[in-house]
Amino acid sequence: MEKYLIFKPGAGDSVCVPARELTHMHVDGDGESLDINFRSILGSDGTGEYNIDITIADNKGKEVMNAIADEIRSGKEALVVVIDDIAKEYLHSSMVSCGSISAIV
């Protein structure tokens, strides 16, 4: 079953992206921000990517990344709400908020 990941920041655009487009996840140096990168599905040439920034509790990046990976790998739902700031729904309890969703070209 194909999985789709849903990200809804409190303000701005939401995104639903196929999990197969995930390229990497990275925790910043201070352990308070998780960057999730996806290949662009918007461009017909398949180039570029976009980034979703999630604020996390101090030094909980590994746990959050594992929760996302586990849900992709073995979760029962095709639509996976990773973070929804509006409904206050978070895949992992160490997620604080969804920051920007930005294109990287």
C-alpha atoms as a PDB file:
ATOM      1  CA  MET A   1       0.000   0.000   0.000  1.00  0.00           C
ATOM      2  CA  GLU A   2       1.300   3.420  -0.903  1.00  0.00           C
ATOM      3  CA  LYS A   3       1.598   5.838   2.025  1.00  0.00           C
ATOM      4  CA  TYR A   4       1.029   9.593   1.943  1.00  0.00           C
ATOM      5  CA  LEU A   5       2.382  11.939   4.603  1.00  0.00           C
ATOM      6  CA  ILE A   6       0.327  14.954   5.689  1.00  0.00           C
ATOM      7  CA  PHE A   7       1.856  18.120   7.165  1.00  0.00           C
ATOM      8  CA  LYS A   8      -0.387  21.019   8.296  1.00  0.00           C
ATOM      9  CA  PRO A   9       1.283  24.089   9.772  1.00  0.00           C
ATOM     10  CA  GLY A  10      -0.804  26.497  11.843  1.00  0.00           C
ATOM     11  CA  ALA A  11      -0.599  29.094   9.095  1.00  0.00           C
ATOM     12  CA  GLY A  12       0.215  28.710   5.439  1.00  0.00           C
ATOM     13  CA  ASP A  13      -0.120  25.840   3.029  1.00  0.00           C
ATOM     14  CA  SER A  14      -0.550  22.211   3.992  1.00  0.00           C
ATOM     15  CA  VAL A  15       0.979  19.392   2.000  1.00  0.00           C
ATOM     16  CA  CYS A  16       0.254  15.720   1.370  1.00  0.00           C
ATOM     17  CA  VAL A  17       3.185  13.938  -0.245  1.00  0.00           C
ATOM     18  CA  PRO A  18       3.879  10.323  -1.216  1.00  0.00           C
ATOM     19  CA  ALA A  19       6.208   8.737   1.349  1.00  0.00           C
ATOM     20  CA  ARG A  20       8.264   7.292  -1.532  1.00  0.00           C
ATOM     21  CA  GLU A  21       9.447  10.829  -2.317  1.00  0.00           C
ATOM     22  CA  LEU A  22      11.157  11.215   1.090  1.00  0.00           C
ATOM     23  CA  THR A  23      14.883  11.696   0.518  1.00  0.00           C
ATOM     24  CA  HIS A  24      16.214  12.356   4.021  1.00  0.00           C
ATOM     25  CA  MET A  25      15.586  13.661   7.526  1.00  0.00           C
ATOM     26  CA  HIS A  26      18.088  15.736   9.479  1.00  0.00           C
ATOM     27  CA  VAL A  27      18.161  17.129  13.026  1.00  0.00           C
ATOM     28  CA  ASP A  28      19.883  20.497  13.415  1.00  0.00           C
ATOM     29  CA  GLY A  29      22.888  21.012  15.700  1.00  0.00           C
ATOM     30  CA  ASP A  30      20.925  22.193  18.730  1.00  0.00           C
ATOM     31  CA  GLY A  31      18.508  19.246  18.538  1.00  0.00           C
ATOM     32  CA  GLU A  32      15.360  21.385  18.348  1.00  0.00           C
ATOM     33  CA  SER A  33      14.508  21.214  14.658  1.00  0.00           C
ATOM     34  CA  LEU A  34      13.903  18.328  12.283  1.00  0.00           C
ATOM     35  CA  ASP A  35      14.186  18.976   8.548  1.00  0.00           C
ATOM     36  CA  ILE A  36      12.359  16.526   6.303  1.00  0.00           C
ATOM     37  CA  ASN A  37      13.228  16.664   2.607  1.00  0.00           C
ATOM     38  CA  PHE A  38      11.278  15.304  -0.357  1.00  0.00           C
ATOM     39  CA  ARG A  39      11.924  15.132  -4.088  1.00  0.00           C
ATOM     40  CA  SER A  40       9.762  17.644  -5.861  1.00  0.00           C
ATOM     41  CA  ILE A  41       6.613  16.117  -7.285  1.00  0.00           C
ATOM     42  CA  LEU A  42       5.550  19.418  -8.802  1.00  0.00           C
ATOM     43  CA  GLY A  43       8.126  19.778 -11.573  1.00  0.00           C
ATOM     44  CA  SER A  44       7.762  17.592 -14.634  1.00  0.00           C
ATOM     45  CA  ASP A  45      11.538  17.134 -14.870  1.00  0.00           C
ATOM     46  CA  GLY A  46      11.747  15.677 -11.335  1.00  0.00           C
ATOM     47  CA  THR A  47      14.444  18.101 -10.197  1.00  0.00           C
ATOM     48  CA  GLY A  48      14.534  20.073  -7.005  1.00  0.00           C
ATOM     49  CA  GLU A  49      13.148  19.210  -3.634  1.00  0.00           C
ATOM     50  CA  TYR A  50      11.238  20.763  -0.827  1.00  0.00           C
ATOM     51  CA  ASN A  51      11.809  20.962   2.881  1.00  0.00           C
ATOM     52  CA  ILE A  52       9.481  20.775   5.867  1.00  0.00           C
ATOM     53  CA  ASP A  53      10.792  22.123   9.148  1.00  0.00           C
ATOM     54  CA  ILE A  54       9.376  20.660  12.371  1.00  0.00           C
ATOM     55  CA  THR A  55      10.180  22.030  15.814  1.00  0.00           C
ATOM     56  CA  ILE A  56      10.814  19.185  18.242  1.00  0.00           C
ATOM     57  CA  ALA A  57      11.572  18.779  21.945  1.00  0.00           C
ATOM     58  CA  ASP A  58      15.266  18.994  22.827  1.00  0.00           C
ATOM     59  CA  ASN A  59      17.303  16.050  21.572  1.00  0.00           C
ATOM     60  CA  LYS A  60      14.304  13.939  20.544  1.00  0.00           C
ATOM     61  CA  GLY A  61      15.161  13.884  16.836  1.00  0.00           C
ATOM     62  CA  LYS A  62      16.091  10.218  16.688  1.00  0.00           C
ATOM     63  CA  GLU A  63      12.829   9.171  18.348  1.00  0.00           C
ATOM     64  CA  VAL A  64      10.769  11.374  16.019  1.00  0.00           C
ATOM     65  CA  MET A  65      12.578  10.119  12.907  1.00  0.00           C
ATOM     66  CA  ASN A  66      12.089   6.510  14.052  1.00  0.00           C
ATOM     67  CA  ALA A  67       8.368   7.116  14.617  1.00  0.00           C
ATOM     68  CA  ILE A  68       7.985   8.508  11.084  1.00  0.00           C
ATOM     69  CA  ALA A  69       9.974   5.627   9.563  1.00  0.00           C
ATOM     70  CA  ASP A  70       8.025   3.023  11.569  1.00  0.00           C
ATOM     71  CA  GLU A  71       4.711   4.481  10.450  1.00  0.00           C
ATOM     72  CA  ILE A  72       5.797   4.450   6.808  1.00  0.00           C
ATOM     73  CA  ARG A  73       7.098   0.910   7.095  1.00  0.00           C
ATOM     74  CA  SER A  74       4.398  -0.790   9.166  1.00  0.00           C
ATOM     75  CA  GLY A  75       1.493   1.596   9.812  1.00  0.00           C
ATOM     76  CA  LYS A  76      -1.988   0.459   8.807  1.00  0.00           C
ATOM     77  CA  GLU A  77      -3.218   3.750   7.334  1.00  0.00           C
ATOM     78  CA  ALA A  78      -2.476   5.010   3.810  1.00  0.00           C
ATOM     79  CA  LEU A  79      -2.880   8.647   4.914  1.00  0.00           C
ATOM     80  CA  VAL A  80      -0.466   9.435   7.731  1.00  0.00           C
ATOM     81  CA  VAL A  81      -0.894  12.706   9.601  1.00  0.00           C
ATOM     82  CA  VAL A  82       2.672  13.495  10.625  1.00  0.00           C
ATOM     83  CA  ILE A  83       1.822  16.874  12.124  1.00  0.00           C
ATOM     84  CA  ASP A  84      -1.323  18.985  12.196  1.00  0.00           C
ATOM     85  CA  ASP A  85      -0.922  22.204  14.183  1.00  0.00           C
ATOM     86  CA  ILE A  86      -4.555  23.180  13.628  1.00  0.00           C
ATOM     87  CA  ALA A  87      -6.054  19.987  15.113  1.00  0.00           C
ATOM     88  CA  LYS A  88      -3.100  19.540  17.507  1.00  0.00           C
ATOM     89  CA  GLU A  89      -2.435  16.055  16.101  1.00  0.00           C
ATOM     90  CA  TYR A  90       1.172  14.860  16.165  1.00  0.00           C
ATOM     91  CA  LEU A  91       2.623  11.499  15.134  1.00  0.00           C
ATOM     92  CA  HIS A  92       5.074  11.696  18.047  1.00  0.00           C
ATOM     93  CA  SER A  93       4.637  13.447  21.398  1.00  0.00           C
ATOM     94  CA  SER A  94       7.997  15.279  21.007  1.00  0.00           C
ATOM     95  CA  MET A  95       6.751  17.253  18.002  1.00  0.00           C
ATOM     96  CA  VAL A  96       6.055  20.863  18.959  1.00  0.00           C
ATOM     97  CA  SER A  97       4.995  22.594  15.730  1.00  0.00           C
ATOM     98  CA  CYS A  98       5.231  22.515  11.969  1.00  0.00           C
ATOM     99  CA  GLY A  99       7.313  25.342  10.575  1.00  0.00           C
ATOM    100  CA  SER A 100       7.799  26.350   7.001  1.00  0.00           C
ATOM    101  CA  ILE A 101       7.233  24.231   3.912  1.00  0.00           C
ATOM    102  CA  SER A 102       9.634  25.557   1.302  1.00  0.00           C
ATOM    103  CA  ALA A 103      10.853  24.631  -2.143  1.00  0.00           C
ATOM    104  CA  ILE A 104      14.560  24.108  -2.740  1.00  0.00           C
ATOM    105  CA  VAL A 105      15.573  24.458  -6.368  1.00  0.00           C
END
